[in-house]
Amino acid sequence: MPKKAKYRTGVQVDLDGDLMAIIEGLYQEVVVRKELRHTYQDMKEEIEHIVSQMDQKEARRYLVESVFLNMVTYENQMLDALLRKLSGEISGEE
C-alpha cells in the first residue's frame, strides 16, 4: 500500500510516483476550491506542503518526473513554434 500525503484541505493523495495525480489534486484543491482566484503563493505553499510529507527518495522521484514533464512540454512548445514559422514561410506569410 503506497504512502499517502494530505493537501491542506485534508484530501489525501497516494505517493506512488504518479505525478499527474498530484497535479490533478493541486488543481482541484487550489484552483477549483478558490474558484480560479488562487495566487502564486497559494500554489507554492500547497506544493511545499505536499513535498514536506515526502522522504528524500520520494521527493527525488517526483522532481525527476516533474523535470521530465516540463522538458517534454518545452520541447513541444518549441516544435510548435518552429512548425508555425515554417508554415508561415511556406504560405508566404512573414
PDB file of N, CA and C in Angstrom:
ATOM      1  N   MET A   1       0.841  -1.183   0.000  1.00  0.00           N
ATOM      2  CA  MET A   1       0.000   0.000   0.000  1.00  0.00           C
ATOM      3  C   MET A   1       0.885   1.244   0.000  1.00  0.00           C
ATOM      4  N   PRO A   2       0.675   2.166  -0.957  1.00  0.00           N
ATOM      5  CA  PRO A   2       1.546   3.347  -1.036  1.00  0.00           C
ATOM      6  C   PRO A   2       1.316   4.323   0.122  1.00  0.00           C
ATOM      7  N   LYS A   3       2.359   5.022   0.438  1.00  0.00           N
ATOM      8  CA  LYS A   3       2.274   6.082   1.440  1.00  0.00           C
ATOM      9  C   LYS A   3       1.339   7.162   0.900  1.00  0.00           C
ATOM     10  N   LYS A   4       0.694   7.886   1.796  1.00  0.00           N
ATOM     11  CA  LYS A   4      -0.214   8.950   1.391  1.00  0.00           C
ATOM     12  C   LYS A   4       0.280  10.286   1.926  1.00  0.00           C
ATOM     13  N   ALA A   5      -0.115  11.338   1.240  1.00  0.00           N
ATOM     14  CA  ALA A   5       0.121  12.699   1.711  1.00  0.00           C
ATOM     15  C   ALA A   5      -1.233  13.401   1.710  1.00  0.00           C
ATOM     16  N   LYS A   6      -1.326  14.474   2.469  1.00  0.00           N
ATOM     17  CA  LYS A   6      -2.575  15.230   2.531  1.00  0.00           C
ATOM     18  C   LYS A   6      -2.346  16.649   2.042  1.00  0.00           C
ATOM     19  N   TYR A   7      -3.312  17.112   1.242  1.00  0.00           N
ATOM     20  CA  TYR A   7      -3.359  18.532   0.916  1.00  0.00           C
ATOM     21  C   TYR A   7      -3.808  19.258   2.169  1.00  0.00           C
ATOM     22  N   ARG A   8      -3.644  20.555   2.220  1.00  0.00           N
ATOM     23  CA  ARG A   8      -4.041  21.317   3.402  1.00  0.00           C
ATOM     24  C   ARG A   8      -5.542  21.238   3.659  1.00  0.00           C
ATOM     25  N   THR A   9      -6.324  20.864   2.647  1.00  0.00           N
ATOM     26  CA  THR A   9      -7.768  20.706   2.811  1.00  0.00           C
ATOM     27  C   THR A   9      -8.118  19.375   3.460  1.00  0.00           C
ATOM     28  N   GLY A  10      -7.133  18.480   3.617  1.00  0.00           N
ATOM     29  CA  GLY A  10      -7.365  17.179   4.218  1.00  0.00           C
ATOM     30  C   GLY A  10      -7.528  16.059   3.208  1.00  0.00           C
ATOM     31  N   VAL A  11      -7.671  16.390   1.945  1.00  0.00           N
ATOM     32  CA  VAL A  11      -7.795  15.376   0.889  1.00  0.00           C
ATOM     33  C   VAL A  11      -6.457  14.655   0.750  1.00  0.00           C
ATOM     34  N   GLN A  12      -6.511  13.330   0.618  1.00  0.00           N
ATOM     35  CA  GLN A  12      -5.299  12.527   0.524  1.00  0.00           C
ATOM     36  C   GLN A  12      -4.952  12.197  -0.925  1.00  0.00           C
ATOM     37  N   VAL A  13      -3.654  11.995  -1.150  1.00  0.00           N
ATOM     38  CA  VAL A  13      -3.155  11.548  -2.449  1.00  0.00           C
ATOM     39  C   VAL A  13      -2.101  10.471  -2.186  1.00  0.00           C
ATOM     40  N   ASP A  14      -2.124   9.427  -3.001  1.00  0.00           N
ATOM     41  CA  ASP A  14      -1.109   8.380  -2.888  1.00  0.00           C
ATOM     42  C   ASP A  14       0.225   8.898  -3.396  1.00  0.00           C
ATOM     43  N   LEU A  15       1.298   8.590  -2.679  1.00  0.00           N
ATOM     44  CA  LEU A  15       2.649   8.905  -3.136  1.00  0.00           C
ATOM     45  C   LEU A  15       3.217   7.646  -3.802  1.00  0.00           C
ATOM     46  N   ASP A  16       2.683   7.372  -4.979  1.00  0.00           N
ATOM     47  CA  ASP A  16       3.058   6.156  -5.707  1.00  0.00           C
ATOM     48  C   ASP A  16       3.831   6.454  -6.986  1.00  0.00           C
ATOM     49  N   GLY A  17       4.314   7.691  -7.112  1.00  0.00           N
ATOM     50  CA  GLY A  17       5.082   8.068  -8.289  1.00  0.00           C
ATOM     51  C   GLY A  17       4.258   8.686  -9.396  1.00  0.00           C
ATOM     52  N   ASP A  18       2.946   8.783  -9.218  1.00  0.00           N
ATOM     53  CA  ASP A  18       2.055   9.329 -10.240  1.00  0.00           C
ATOM     54  C   ASP A  18       1.983  10.850 -10.115  1.00  0.00           C
ATOM     55  N   LEU A  19       2.848  11.528 -10.844  1.00  0.00           N
ATOM     56  CA  LEU A  19       2.905  12.989 -10.796  1.00  0.00           C
ATOM     57  C   LEU A  19       1.577  13.617 -11.202  1.00  0.00           C
ATOM     58  N   MET A  20       0.919  13.048 -12.199  1.00  0.00           N
ATOM     59  CA  MET A  20      -0.346  13.621 -12.660  1.00  0.00           C
ATOM     60  C   MET A  20      -1.407  13.580 -11.559  1.00  0.00           C
ATOM     61  N   ALA A  21      -1.383  12.591 -10.689  1.00  0.00           N
ATOM     62  CA  ALA A  21      -2.343  12.540  -9.577  1.00  0.00           C
ATOM     63  C   ALA A  21      -2.126  13.729  -8.642  1.00  0.00           C
ATOM     64  N   ILE A  22      -0.868  14.068  -8.393  1.00  0.00           N
ATOM     65  CA  ILE A  22      -0.577  15.230  -7.545  1.00  0.00           C
ATOM     66  C   ILE A  22      -1.000  16.513  -8.242  1.00  0.00           C
ATOM     67  N   ILE A  23      -0.709  16.626  -9.527  1.00  0.00           N
ATOM     68  CA  ILE A  23      -1.081  17.826 -10.280  1.00  0.00           C
ATOM     69  C   ILE A  23      -2.598  17.980 -10.326  1.00  0.00           C
ATOM     70  N   GLU A  24      -3.314  16.889 -10.587  1.00  0.00           N
ATOM     71  CA  GLU A  24      -4.783  16.947 -10.608  1.00  0.00           C
ATOM     72  C   GLU A  24      -5.327  17.347  -9.241  1.00  0.00           C
ATOM     73  N   GLY A  25      -4.721  16.815  -8.185  1.00  0.00           N
ATOM     74  CA  GLY A  25      -5.126  17.190  -6.832  1.00  0.00           C
ATOM     75  C   GLY A  25      -4.866  18.659  -6.549  1.00  0.00           C
ATOM     76  N   LEU A  26      -3.712  19.151  -6.976  1.00  0.00           N
ATOM     77  CA  LEU A  26      -3.408  20.577  -6.810  1.00  0.00           C
ATOM     78  C   LEU A  26      -4.441  21.436  -7.528  1.00  0.00           C
ATOM     79  N   TYR A  27      -4.796  21.014  -8.715  1.00  0.00           N
ATOM     80  CA  TYR A  27      -5.801  21.763  -9.489  1.00  0.00           C
ATOM     81  C   TYR A  27      -7.129  21.800  -8.716  1.00  0.00           C
ATOM     82  N   GLN A  28      -7.574  20.640  -8.245  1.00  0.00           N
ATOM     83  CA  GLN A  28      -8.850  20.576  -7.526  1.00  0.00           C
ATOM     84  C   GLN A  28      -8.807  21.336  -6.198  1.00  0.00           C
ATOM     85  N   GLU A  29      -7.742  21.127  -5.432  1.00  0.00           N
ATOM     86  CA  GLU A  29      -7.678  21.659  -4.074  1.00  0.00           C
ATOM     87  C   GLU A  29      -7.238  23.119  -3.985  1.00  0.00           C
ATOM     88  N   VAL A  30      -6.639  23.640  -5.035  1.00  0.00           N
ATOM     89  CA  VAL A  30      -6.224  25.046  -5.015  1.00  0.00           C
ATOM     90  C   VAL A  30      -7.026  25.846  -6.042  1.00  0.00           C
ATOM     91  N   VAL A  31      -6.950  25.456  -7.291  1.00  0.00           N
ATOM     92  CA  VAL A  31      -7.568  26.247  -8.368  1.00  0.00           C
ATOM     93  C   VAL A  31      -9.098  26.214  -8.270  1.00  0.00           C
ATOM     94  N   VAL A  32      -9.667  25.011  -8.240  1.00  0.00           N
ATOM     95  CA  VAL A  32     -11.131  24.892  -8.230  1.00  0.00           C
ATOM     96  C   VAL A  32     -11.712  25.398  -6.916  1.00  0.00           C
ATOM     97  N   ARG A  33     -11.132  24.990  -5.794  1.00  0.00           N
ATOM     98  CA  ARG A  33     -11.664  25.426  -4.494  1.00  0.00           C
ATOM     99  C   ARG A  33     -11.655  26.942  -4.347  1.00  0.00           C
ATOM    100  N   LYS A  34     -10.667  27.573  -4.924  1.00  0.00           N
ATOM    101  CA  LYS A  34     -10.590  29.037  -4.823  1.00  0.00           C
ATOM    102  C   LYS A  34     -11.258  29.721  -6.011  1.00  0.00           C
ATOM    103  N   GLU A  35     -11.989  28.928  -6.800  1.00  0.00           N
ATOM    104  CA  GLU A  35     -12.755  29.442  -7.943  1.00  0.00           C
ATOM    105  C   GLU A  35     -11.909  30.318  -8.860  1.00  0.00           C
ATOM    106  N   LEU A  36     -10.727  29.806  -9.210  1.00  0.00           N
ATOM    107  CA  LEU A  36      -9.765  30.471 -10.107  1.00  0.00           C
ATOM    108  C   LEU A  36      -9.208  31.771  -9.532  1.00  0.00           C
ATOM    109  N   ARG A  37      -9.356  31.973  -8.226  1.00  0.00           N
ATOM    110  CA  ARG A  37      -8.848  33.191  -7.580  1.00  0.00           C
ATOM    111  C   ARG A  37      -7.602  32.902  -6.745  1.00  0.00           C
ATOM    112  N   HIS A  38      -6.886  31.866  -7.099  1.00  0.00           N
ATOM    113  CA  HIS A  38      -5.684  31.497  -6.357  1.00  0.00           C
ATOM    114  C   HIS A  38      -4.510  32.372  -6.783  1.00  0.00           C
ATOM    115  N   THR A  39      -3.510  32.391  -5.945  1.00  0.00           N
ATOM    116  CA  THR A  39      -2.308  33.164  -6.235  1.00  0.00           C
ATOM    117  C   THR A  39      -1.125  32.213  -6.415  1.00  0.00           C
ATOM    118  N   TYR A  40      -0.047  32.766  -6.905  1.00  0.00           N
ATOM    119  CA  TYR A  40       1.209  32.020  -6.990  1.00  0.00           C
ATOM    120  C   TYR A  40       1.561  31.479  -5.612  1.00  0.00           C
ATOM    121  N   GLN A  41       1.401  32.299  -4.591  1.00  0.00           N
ATOM    122  CA  GLN A  41       1.750  31.906  -3.224  1.00  0.00           C
ATOM    123  C   GLN A  41       0.875  30.751  -2.734  1.00  0.00           C
ATOM    124  N   ASP A  42      -0.416  30.774  -3.062  1.00  0.00           N
ATOM    125  CA  ASP A  42      -1.304  29.670  -2.682  1.00  0.00           C
ATOM    126  C   ASP A  42      -0.780  28.348  -3.238  1.00  0.00           C
ATOM    127  N   MET A  43      -0.450  28.350  -4.518  1.00  0.00           N
ATOM    128  CA  MET A  43       0.011  27.121  -5.163  1.00  0.00           C
ATOM    129  C   MET A  43       1.368  26.701  -4.601  1.00  0.00           C
ATOM    130  N   LYS A  44       2.269  27.659  -4.437  1.00  0.00           N
ATOM    131  CA  LYS A  44       3.603  27.353  -3.908  1.00  0.00           C
ATOM    132  C   LYS A  44       3.498  26.729  -2.518  1.00  0.00           C
ATOM    133  N   GLU A  45       2.667  27.288  -1.679  1.00  0.00           N
ATOM    134  CA  GLU A  45       2.522  26.758  -0.322  1.00  0.00           C
ATOM    135  C   GLU A  45       1.928  25.356  -0.321  1.00  0.00           C
ATOM    136  N   GLU A  46       0.973  25.096  -1.209  1.00  0.00           N
ATOM    137  CA  GLU A  46       0.381  23.764  -1.274  1.00  0.00           C
ATOM    138  C   GLU A  46       1.395  22.738  -1.768  1.00  0.00           C
ATOM    139  N   ILE A  47       2.186  23.117  -2.756  1.00  0.00           N
ATOM    140  CA  ILE A  47       3.230  22.210  -3.258  1.00  0.00           C
ATOM    141  C   ILE A  47       4.245  21.940  -2.153  1.00  0.00           C
ATOM    142  N   GLU A  48       4.677  22.984  -1.452  1.00  0.00           N
ATOM    143  CA  GLU A  48       5.625  22.804  -0.354  1.00  0.00           C
ATOM    144  C   GLU A  48       5.043  21.904   0.731  1.00  0.00           C
ATOM    145  N   HIS A  49       3.753  22.031   0.988  1.00  0.00           N
ATOM    146  CA  HIS A  49       3.096  21.198   1.994  1.00  0.00           C
ATOM    147  C   HIS A  49       3.133  19.725   1.589  1.00  0.00           C
ATOM    148  N   ILE A  50       2.826  19.441   0.332  1.00  0.00           N
ATOM    149  CA  ILE A  50       2.863  18.056  -0.156  1.00  0.00           C
ATOM    150  C   ILE A  50       4.293  17.515  -0.111  1.00  0.00           C
ATOM    151  N   VAL A  51       5.253  18.285  -0.612  1.00  0.00           N
ATOM    152  CA  VAL A  51       6.647  17.824  -0.644  1.00  0.00           C
ATOM    153  C   VAL A  51       7.194  17.601   0.762  1.00  0.00           C
ATOM    154  N   SER A  52       6.751  18.396   1.725  1.00  0.00           N
ATOM    155  CA  SER A  52       7.240  18.237   3.104  1.00  0.00           C
ATOM    156  C   SER A  52       6.847  16.890   3.702  1.00  0.00           C
ATOM    157  N   GLN A  53       5.869  16.230   3.108  1.00  0.00           N
ATOM    158  CA  GLN A  53       5.421  14.931   3.602  1.00  0.00           C
ATOM    159  C   GLN A  53       6.145  13.763   2.919  1.00  0.00           C
ATOM    160  N   MET A  54       7.033  14.087   1.991  1.00  0.00           N
ATOM    161  CA  MET A  54       7.780  13.051   1.262  1.00  0.00           C
ATOM    162  C   MET A  54       9.141  12.842   1.901  1.00  0.00           C
ATOM    163  N   ASP A  55       9.636  11.617   1.802  1.00  0.00           N
ATOM    164  CA  ASP A  55      11.013  11.399   2.197  1.00  0.00           C
ATOM    165  C   ASP A  55      11.909  11.810   1.014  1.00  0.00           C
ATOM    166  N   GLN A  56      13.199  11.772   1.219  1.00  0.00           N
ATOM    167  CA  GLN A  56      14.138  12.239   0.197  1.00  0.00           C
ATOM    168  C   GLN A  56      14.006  11.452  -1.113  1.00  0.00           C
ATOM    169  N   LYS A  57      13.831  10.150  -1.011  1.00  0.00           N
ATOM    170  CA  LYS A  57      13.707   9.303  -2.199  1.00  0.00           C
ATOM    171  C   LYS A  57      12.442   9.652  -2.998  1.00  0.00           C
ATOM    172  N   GLU A  58      11.327   9.849  -2.300  1.00  0.00           N
ATOM    173  CA  GLU A  58      10.078  10.214  -2.977  1.00  0.00           C
ATOM    174  C   GLU A  58      10.193  11.585  -3.632  1.00  0.00           C
ATOM    175  N   ALA A  59      10.759  12.533  -2.898  1.00  0.00           N
ATOM    176  CA  ALA A  59      10.904  13.885  -3.439  1.00  0.00           C
ATOM    177  C   ALA A  59      11.783  13.869  -4.691  1.00  0.00           C
ATOM    178  N   ARG A  60      12.843  13.088  -4.657  1.00  0.00           N
ATOM    179  CA  ARG A  60      13.729  12.977  -5.826  1.00  0.00           C
ATOM    180  C   ARG A  60      12.981  12.379  -7.015  1.00  0.00           C
ATOM    181  N   ARG A  61      12.214  11.326  -6.766  1.00  0.00           N
ATOM    182  CA  ARG A  61      11.458  10.675  -7.840  1.00  0.00           C
ATOM    183  C   ARG A  61      10.471  11.656  -8.478  1.00  0.00           C
ATOM    184  N   TYR A  62       9.764  12.433  -7.653  1.00  0.00           N
ATOM    185  CA  TYR A  62       8.811  13.403  -8.193  1.00  0.00           C
ATOM    186  C   TYR A  62       9.523  14.560  -8.888  1.00  0.00           C
ATOM    187  N   LEU A  63      10.690  14.957  -8.408  1.00  0.00           N
ATOM    188  CA  LEU A  63      11.456  16.004  -9.083  1.00  0.00           C
ATOM    189  C   LEU A  63      11.855  15.551 -10.476  1.00  0.00           C
ATOM    190  N   VAL A  64      12.348  14.329 -10.588  1.00  0.00           N
ATOM    191  CA  VAL A  64      12.743  13.800 -11.900  1.00  0.00           C
ATOM    192  C   VAL A  64      11.541  13.773 -12.833  1.00  0.00           C
ATOM    193  N   GLU A  65      10.402  13.289 -12.349  1.00  0.00           N
ATOM    194  CA  GLU A  65       9.184  13.253 -13.172  1.00  0.00           C
ATOM    195  C   GLU A  65       8.765  14.655 -13.596  1.00  0.00           C
ATOM    196  N   SER A  66       8.862  15.606 -12.685  1.00  0.00           N
ATOM    197  CA  SER A  66       8.467  16.976 -12.971  1.00  0.00           C
ATOM    198  C   SER A  66       9.367  17.619 -14.021  1.00  0.00           C
ATOM    199  N   VAL A  67      10.673  17.438 -13.875  1.00  0.00           N
ATOM    200  CA  VAL A  67      11.604  17.997 -14.862  1.00  0.00           C
ATOM    201  C   VAL A  67      11.367  17.349 -16.222  1.00  0.00           C
ATOM    202  N   PHE A  68      11.149  16.042 -16.243  1.00  0.00           N
ATOM    203  CA  PHE A  68      10.873  15.345 -17.497  1.00  0.00           C
ATOM    204  C   PHE A  68       9.609  15.899 -18.151  1.00  0.00           C
ATOM    205  N   LEU A  69       8.534  16.037 -17.386  1.00  0.00           N
ATOM    206  CA  LEU A  69       7.282  16.570 -17.926  1.00  0.00           C
ATOM    207  C   LEU A  69       7.470  17.989 -18.448  1.00  0.00           C
ATOM    208  N   ASN A  70       8.195  18.806 -17.708  1.00  0.00           N
ATOM    209  CA  ASN A  70       8.450  20.172 -18.163  1.00  0.00           C
ATOM    210  C   ASN A  70       9.310  20.203 -19.416  1.00  0.00           C
ATOM    211  N   MET A  71      10.255  19.286 -19.510  1.00  0.00           N
ATOM    212  CA  MET A  71      11.100  19.223 -20.708  1.00  0.00           C
ATOM    213  C   MET A  71      10.282  18.834 -21.932  1.00  0.00           C
ATOM    214  N   VAL A  72       9.402  17.853 -21.782  1.00  0.00           N
ATOM    215  CA  VAL A  72       8.539  17.438 -22.896  1.00  0.00           C
ATOM    216  C   VAL A  72       7.630  18.593 -23.311  1.00  0.00           C
ATOM    217  N   THR A  73       7.057  19.290 -22.333  1.00  0.00           N
ATOM    218  CA  THR A  73       6.197  20.440 -22.627  1.00  0.00           C
ATOM    219  C   THR A  73       6.989  21.519 -23.364  1.00  0.00           C
ATOM    220  N   TYR A  74       8.177  21.832 -22.879  1.00  0.00           N
ATOM    221  CA  TYR A  74       9.030  22.840 -23.513  1.00  0.00           C
ATOM    222  C   TYR A  74       9.374  22.430 -24.940  1.00  0.00           C
ATOM    223  N   GLU A  75       9.772  21.177 -25.111  1.00  0.00           N
ATOM    224  CA  GLU A  75      10.126  20.680 -26.433  1.00  0.00           C
ATOM    225  C   GLU A  75       8.930  20.791 -27.388  1.00  0.00           C
ATOM    226  N   ASN A  76       7.755  20.432 -26.931  1.00  0.00           N
ATOM    227  CA  ASN A  76       6.559  20.532 -27.769  1.00  0.00           C
ATOM    228  C   ASN A  76       6.247  21.977 -28.137  1.00  0.00           C
ATOM    229  N   GLN A  77       6.433  22.899 -27.208  1.00  0.00           N
ATOM    230  CA  GLN A  77       6.206  24.313 -27.497  1.00  0.00           C
ATOM    231  C   GLN A  77       7.209  24.828 -28.528  1.00  0.00           C
ATOM    232  N   MET A  78       8.447  24.422 -28.398  1.00  0.00           N
ATOM    233  CA  MET A  78       9.470  24.847 -29.354  1.00  0.00           C
ATOM    234  C   MET A  78       9.185  24.280 -30.743  1.00  0.00           C
ATOM    235  N   LEU A  79       8.804  23.004 -30.816  1.00  0.00           N
ATOM    236  CA  LEU A  79       8.471  22.398 -32.099  1.00  0.00           C
ATOM    237  C   LEU A  79       7.243  23.048 -32.714  1.00  0.00           C
ATOM    238  N   ASP A  80       6.247  23.372 -31.894  1.00  0.00           N
ATOM    239  CA  ASP A  80       5.049  24.046 -32.384  1.00  0.00           C
ATOM    240  C   ASP A  80       5.402  25.410 -32.967  1.00  0.00           C
ATOM    241  N   ALA A  81       6.255  26.158 -32.273  1.00  0.00           N
ATOM    242  CA  ALA A  81       6.670  27.475 -32.767  1.00  0.00           C
ATOM    243  C   ALA A  81       7.430  27.335 -34.087  1.00  0.00           C
ATOM    244  N   LEU A  82       8.293  26.341 -34.184  1.00  0.00           N
ATOM    245  CA  LEU A  82       9.044  26.105 -35.413  1.00  0.00           C
ATOM    246  C   LEU A  82       8.100  25.740 -36.551  1.00  0.00           C
ATOM    247  N   LEU A  83       7.146  24.874 -36.289  1.00  0.00           N
ATOM    248  CA  LEU A  83       6.195  24.483 -37.328  1.00  0.00           C
ATOM    249  C   LEU A  83       5.340  25.658 -37.781  1.00  0.00           C
ATOM    250  N   ARG A  84       4.922  26.499 -36.854  1.00  0.00           N
ATOM    251  CA  ARG A  84       4.154  27.696 -37.235  1.00  0.00           C
ATOM    252  C   ARG A  84       5.009  28.629 -38.094  1.00  0.00           C
ATOM    253  N   LYS A  85       6.271  28.782 -37.722  1.00  0.00           N
ATOM    254  CA  LYS A  85       7.172  29.640 -38.504  1.00  0.00           C
ATOM    255  C   LYS A  85       7.360  29.067 -39.901  1.00  0.00           C
ATOM    256  N   LEU A  86       7.621  27.776 -39.980  1.00  0.00           N
ATOM    257  CA  LEU A  86       7.807  27.136 -41.295  1.00  0.00           C
ATOM    258  C   LEU A  86       6.535  27.193 -42.116  1.00  0.00           C
ATOM    259  N   SER A  87       5.411  26.995 -41.493  1.00  0.00           N
ATOM    260  CA  SER A  87       4.122  27.064 -42.173  1.00  0.00           C
ATOM    261  C   SER A  87       3.885  28.460 -42.745  1.00  0.00           C
ATOM    262  N   GLY A  88       4.245  29.477 -41.951  1.00  0.00           N
ATOM    263  CA  GLY A  88       4.104  30.871 -42.417  1.00  0.00           C
ATOM    264  C   GLY A  88       5.033  31.171 -43.567  1.00  0.00           C
ATOM    265  N   GLU A  89       6.248  30.632 -43.539  1.00  0.00           N
ATOM    266  CA  GLU A  89       7.209  30.852 -44.619  1.00  0.00           C
ATOM    267  C   GLU A  89       6.757  30.157 -45.892  1.00  0.00           C
ATOM    268  N   ILE A  90       6.177  28.981 -45.757  1.00  0.00           N
ATOM    269  CA  ILE A  90       5.708  28.235 -46.918  1.00  0.00           C
ATOM    270  C   ILE A  90       4.518  28.926 -47.566  1.00  0.00           C
ATOM    271  N   SER A  91       3.611  29.467 -46.746  1.00  0.00           N
ATOM    272  CA  SER A  91       2.412  30.113 -47.299  1.00  0.00           C
ATOM    273  C   SER A  91       2.671  31.574 -47.676  1.00  0.00           C
ATOM    274  N   GLY A  92       3.879  32.058 -47.485  1.00  0.00           N
ATOM    275  CA  GLY A  92       4.237  33.415 -47.869  1.00  0.00           C
ATOM    276  C   GLY A  92       3.983  34.448 -46.799  1.00  0.00           C
ATOM    277  N   GLU A  93       3.546  34.037 -45.640  1.00  0.00           N
ATOM    278  CA  GLU A  93       3.345  34.964 -44.521  1.00  0.00           C
ATOM    279  C   GLU A  93       4.659  35.146 -43.780  1.00  0.00           C
ATOM    280  N   GLU A  94       4.938  36.355 -43.394  1.00  0.00           N
ATOM    281  CA  GLU A  94       6.127  36.591 -42.559  1.00  0.00           C
ATOM    282  C   GLU A  94       5.947  37.820 -41.747  1.00  0.00           C
TER     283      GLU A  94
END
